[in-house]
Amino acid sequence: MLLGTPIIAARTLESMEYSNNGKFAVLYDFGNYRDFEKKISLFIQQYSMGKDMVASDITTVSKLFDPQRNINELLNVIDNI
């Protein structure tokens, strides 16, 4: 879950990065519909547990994508060009 929204995605380099290696999303093997089905079923079974984790995840994600932090990172890159 990300900010209270259930997320399911195929496991790719991008989804691994944005989901913090699957911590903030349910990832299934790319192109594997059986794994997709299994992960959805597992998510439904564990949904109430996932809701409890949302509060701590919101804080973590908001720090990762903080606008000021992104501006500072961009300025740092520009300064090092």
C-alpha atoms as a PDB file:
ATOM      1  CA  MET A   1       0.000   0.000   0.000  1.00  0.00           C
ATOM      2  CA  LEU A   2       1.148   3.452  -0.756  1.00  0.00           C
ATOM      3  CA  LEU A   3      -0.485   6.310   1.137  1.00  0.00           C
ATOM      4  CA  GLY A   4      -3.454   4.048   1.844  1.00  0.00           C
ATOM      5  CA  THR A   5      -3.858   2.902  -1.767  1.00  0.00           C
ATOM      6  CA  PRO A   6      -3.282  -0.753  -2.624  1.00  0.00           C
ATOM      7  CA  ILE A   7      -0.556  -1.075  -5.267  1.00  0.00           C
ATOM      8  CA  ILE A   8       0.144  -4.151  -7.367  1.00  0.00           C
ATOM      9  CA  ALA A   9       2.676  -4.103 -10.174  1.00  0.00           C
ATOM     10  CA  ALA A  10       4.828  -6.364 -12.273  1.00  0.00           C
ATOM     11  CA  ARG A  11       8.294  -6.783 -10.813  1.00  0.00           C
ATOM     12  CA  THR A  12      10.612  -4.612 -12.917  1.00  0.00           C
ATOM     13  CA  LEU A  13      13.632  -2.490 -12.096  1.00  0.00           C
ATOM     14  CA  GLU A  14      11.385   0.568 -11.962  1.00  0.00           C
ATOM     15  CA  SER A  15       8.726  -0.982  -9.744  1.00  0.00           C
ATOM     16  CA  MET A  16      11.419  -2.339  -7.431  1.00  0.00           C
ATOM     17  CA  GLU A  17      12.865   1.164  -7.078  1.00  0.00           C
ATOM     18  CA  TYR A  18       9.579   2.999  -6.547  1.00  0.00           C
ATOM     19  CA  SER A  19       8.194   0.391  -4.179  1.00  0.00           C
ATOM     20  CA  ASN A  20      11.376   0.221  -2.093  1.00  0.00           C
ATOM     21  CA  ASN A  21      12.026  -3.361  -3.228  1.00  0.00           C
ATOM     22  CA  GLY A  22       8.401  -4.369  -2.790  1.00  0.00           C
ATOM     23  CA  LYS A  23       7.869  -2.847   0.649  1.00  0.00           C
ATOM     24  CA  PHE A  24       5.189  -0.414  -0.553  1.00  0.00           C
ATOM     25  CA  ALA A  25       3.596  -2.630  -3.208  1.00  0.00           C
ATOM     26  CA  VAL A  26       2.657  -6.172  -4.041  1.00  0.00           C
ATOM     27  CA  LEU A  27       4.938  -7.241  -6.893  1.00  0.00           C
ATOM     28  CA  TYR A  28       4.277 -10.195  -9.149  1.00  0.00           C
ATOM     29  CA  ASP A  29       6.521 -11.869 -11.701  1.00  0.00           C
ATOM     30  CA  PHE A  30       6.262 -10.039 -15.029  1.00  0.00           C
ATOM     31  CA  GLY A  31       4.007 -11.909 -17.481  1.00  0.00           C
ATOM     32  CA  ASN A  32       3.035 -14.567 -14.932  1.00  0.00           C
ATOM     33  CA  TYR A  33      -0.744 -14.424 -14.562  1.00  0.00           C
ATOM     34  CA  ARG A  34      -0.733 -17.220 -11.976  1.00  0.00           C
ATOM     35  CA  ASP A  35       1.605 -15.223  -9.748  1.00  0.00           C
ATOM     36  CA  PHE A  36      -0.577 -12.140 -10.328  1.00  0.00           C
ATOM     37  CA  GLU A  37      -3.656 -14.091  -9.195  1.00  0.00           C
ATOM     38  CA  LYS A  38      -1.771 -15.492  -6.190  1.00  0.00           C
ATOM     39  CA  LYS A  39      -0.563 -12.044  -5.097  1.00  0.00           C
ATOM     40  CA  ILE A  40      -4.059 -10.538  -5.357  1.00  0.00           C
ATOM     41  CA  SER A  41      -5.490 -13.376  -3.251  1.00  0.00           C
ATOM     42  CA  LEU A  42      -2.702 -12.961  -0.712  1.00  0.00           C
ATOM     43  CA  PHE A  43      -3.284  -9.210  -0.581  1.00  0.00           C
ATOM     44  CA  ILE A  44      -7.015  -9.662   0.032  1.00  0.00           C
ATOM     45  CA  GLN A  45      -6.249 -12.072   2.891  1.00  0.00           C
ATOM     46  CA  GLN A  46      -3.733  -9.696   4.456  1.00  0.00           C
ATOM     47  CA  TYR A  47      -5.548  -6.414   3.738  1.00  0.00           C
ATOM     48  CA  SER A  48      -6.374  -5.627   7.368  1.00  0.00           C
ATOM     49  CA  MET A  49      -2.758  -6.164   8.368  1.00  0.00           C
ATOM     50  CA  GLY A  50      -1.680  -3.901   5.510  1.00  0.00           C
ATOM     51  CA  LYS A  51      -3.955  -1.112   6.689  1.00  0.00           C
ATOM     52  CA  ASP A  52      -2.153  -1.110  10.034  1.00  0.00           C
ATOM     53  CA  MET A  53       1.192  -0.636   8.279  1.00  0.00           C
ATOM     54  CA  VAL A  54      -0.033   2.350   6.259  1.00  0.00           C
ATOM     55  CA  ALA A  55       0.523   4.952   8.960  1.00  0.00           C
ATOM     56  CA  SER A  56       4.256   4.255   9.233  1.00  0.00           C
ATOM     57  CA  ASP A  57       4.620   3.877   5.452  1.00  0.00           C
ATOM     58  CA  ILE A  58       3.042   7.282   4.815  1.00  0.00           C
ATOM     59  CA  THR A  59       5.767   8.950   6.849  1.00  0.00           C
ATOM     60  CA  THR A  60       8.524   7.038   5.061  1.00  0.00           C
ATOM     61  CA  VAL A  61       7.167   7.736   1.573  1.00  0.00           C
ATOM     62  CA  SER A  62       6.515  11.405   2.280  1.00  0.00           C
ATOM     63  CA  LYS A  63      10.172  11.755   3.298  1.00  0.00           C
ATOM     64  CA  LEU A  64      11.343   9.990   0.130  1.00  0.00           C
ATOM     65  CA  PHE A  65       9.338  12.266  -2.145  1.00  0.00           C
ATOM     66  CA  ASP A  66       9.452  15.501  -0.177  1.00  0.00           C
ATOM     67  CA  PRO A  67       9.372  18.431  -2.657  1.00  0.00           C
ATOM     68  CA  GLN A  68      12.131  20.366  -0.866  1.00  0.00           C
ATOM     69  CA  ARG A  69      14.334  17.280  -0.775  1.00  0.00           C
ATOM     70  CA  ASN A  70      13.833  16.816  -4.522  1.00  0.00           C
ATOM     71  CA  ILE A  71      14.710  20.477  -5.153  1.00  0.00           C
ATOM     72  CA  ASN A  72      17.860  20.142  -3.053  1.00  0.00           C
ATOM     73  CA  GLU A  73      18.889  16.990  -4.926  1.00  0.00           C
ATOM     74  CA  LEU A  74      18.336  18.697  -8.287  1.00  0.00           C
ATOM     75  CA  LEU A  75      20.336  21.765  -7.212  1.00  0.00           C
ATOM     76  CA  ASN A  76      23.128  19.491  -6.055  1.00  0.00           C
ATOM     77  CA  VAL A  77      23.221  17.777  -9.453  1.00  0.00           C
ATOM     78  CA  ILE A  78      23.269  21.142 -11.241  1.00  0.00           C
ATOM     79  CA  ASP A  79      26.071  22.387  -8.981  1.00  0.00           C
ATOM     80  CA  ASN A  80      28.170  19.327  -9.862  1.00  0.00           C
ATOM     81  CA  ILE A  81      27.845  19.751 -13.632  1.00  0.00           C
END
